Protein backbone atom coordinates (compact mmCIF):
# COMPACT_ATOMS: atom_id res chain seq x y z
CA MET A 1 -33.55 -12.16 -8.56
CA VAL A 2 -30.90 -10.72 -10.93
CA ALA A 3 -30.08 -7.92 -8.54
CA TRP A 4 -29.59 -10.37 -5.69
CA GLU A 5 -27.31 -12.56 -7.81
CA SER A 6 -25.32 -9.48 -8.79
CA ALA A 7 -24.90 -8.35 -5.25
CA ARG A 8 -24.01 -11.93 -4.21
CA ALA A 9 -21.38 -12.15 -6.87
CA LYS A 10 -19.88 -8.87 -5.82
CA THR A 11 -19.77 -9.81 -2.07
CA SER A 12 -17.86 -12.93 -3.01
CA ALA A 13 -15.10 -10.52 -4.11
CA MET A 14 -14.89 -9.00 -0.66
CA PRO A 15 -11.33 -8.66 0.50
CA ARG A 16 -9.69 -11.52 2.23
CA ALA A 17 -8.13 -10.58 5.61
CA ALA A 18 -4.63 -11.06 4.28
CA SER A 19 -5.16 -8.53 1.46
CA LEU A 20 -5.75 -5.57 3.75
CA THR A 21 -3.38 -4.02 6.22
CA ARG A 22 -3.93 -4.74 9.91
CA ALA A 23 -5.11 -1.14 10.51
CA CYS A 24 -7.58 -1.35 7.58
CA ARG A 25 -8.91 -4.72 8.83
CA ARG A 26 -9.45 -3.26 12.33
CA TRP A 27 -11.17 -0.23 10.86
CA LEU A 28 -13.45 -2.43 8.78
CA ALA A 29 -14.28 -4.67 11.68
CA GLU A 30 -15.42 -1.63 13.69
CA VAL A 31 -17.36 -0.23 10.73
CA ASP A 32 -19.08 -3.60 10.37
CA ARG A 33 -19.86 -3.74 14.08
CA ILE A 34 -21.52 -0.29 14.00
CA LEU A 35 -23.32 -0.94 10.74
CA ARG A 36 -24.76 -4.27 12.19
CA ARG A 37 -25.74 -2.59 15.44
CA ASP A 38 -27.45 0.55 13.86
CA TRP A 39 -28.48 -0.54 10.39
CA CYS A 40 -28.61 -4.35 10.38
CA ILE A 41 -26.23 -4.56 7.47
CA ASP A 42 -22.43 -4.92 7.12
CA SER A 43 -19.91 -4.22 4.40
CA ALA A 44 -20.70 -7.47 2.57
CA ASN A 45 -24.38 -6.64 2.60
CA ALA A 46 -23.55 -3.23 1.20
CA GLY A 47 -21.71 -4.94 -1.62
CA TRP A 48 -18.24 -3.41 -0.97
CA ASP A 49 -15.37 -4.93 -2.80
CA ARG A 50 -11.67 -4.60 -1.95
CA GLU A 51 -11.33 -1.24 -3.79
CA ASP A 52 -14.39 0.17 -1.94
CA VAL A 53 -12.98 -0.78 1.47
CA LEU A 54 -9.53 0.71 0.69
CA ARG A 55 -11.15 3.88 -0.76
CA TYR A 56 -13.45 4.34 2.27
CA TRP A 57 -10.60 3.58 4.76
CA GLY A 58 -8.45 6.05 2.89
CA TYR A 59 -10.83 8.94 3.64
CA GLY A 60 -9.29 8.84 7.16
CA GLU A 61 -12.54 9.01 9.04
CA THR A 62 -13.10 7.19 12.34
CA PRO A 63 -15.47 4.18 11.88
CA ALA A 64 -18.23 5.98 13.67
CA ASP A 65 -17.95 9.13 11.56
CA PHE A 66 -17.69 7.06 8.38
CA VAL A 67 -20.87 5.11 9.27
CA VAL A 68 -22.75 8.39 9.93
CA TRP A 69 -21.66 9.65 6.51
CA PHE A 70 -22.45 6.41 4.71
CA ALA A 71 -25.84 6.12 6.27
CA GLU A 72 -26.69 9.67 5.35
CA LYS A 73 -25.39 9.35 1.83
CA TYR A 74 -27.41 6.24 1.13
CA ASP A 75 -30.41 7.22 3.26
CA LEU A 76 -30.32 4.09 5.38
CA ILE A 77 -33.25 3.29 7.61
CA ARG A 78 -32.32 2.76 11.29
CA PHE A 79 -33.82 -0.28 12.90
CA LYS A 80 -34.63 -0.13 16.53
CA ARG A 81 -34.14 -3.36 18.53
CA SER A 82 -36.91 -4.33 20.90
């Protein structure tokens, strides 16, 4: 229960749309779309805060390439939709 509460508290700190550039918001929306499609999570579920989003966006990867890297780094389990 403590871990859930910690993750929940961190997700409440997710960046508001106005605090990110338009390009970063578009990148994040596409990352979230791919994460939800392939891994059944999004950036909020992953616990990213504003600094995480800006750091990841700053890597310069396409959303698809970033999601591949992130999934491999954290050994995500792919869910197949039936």
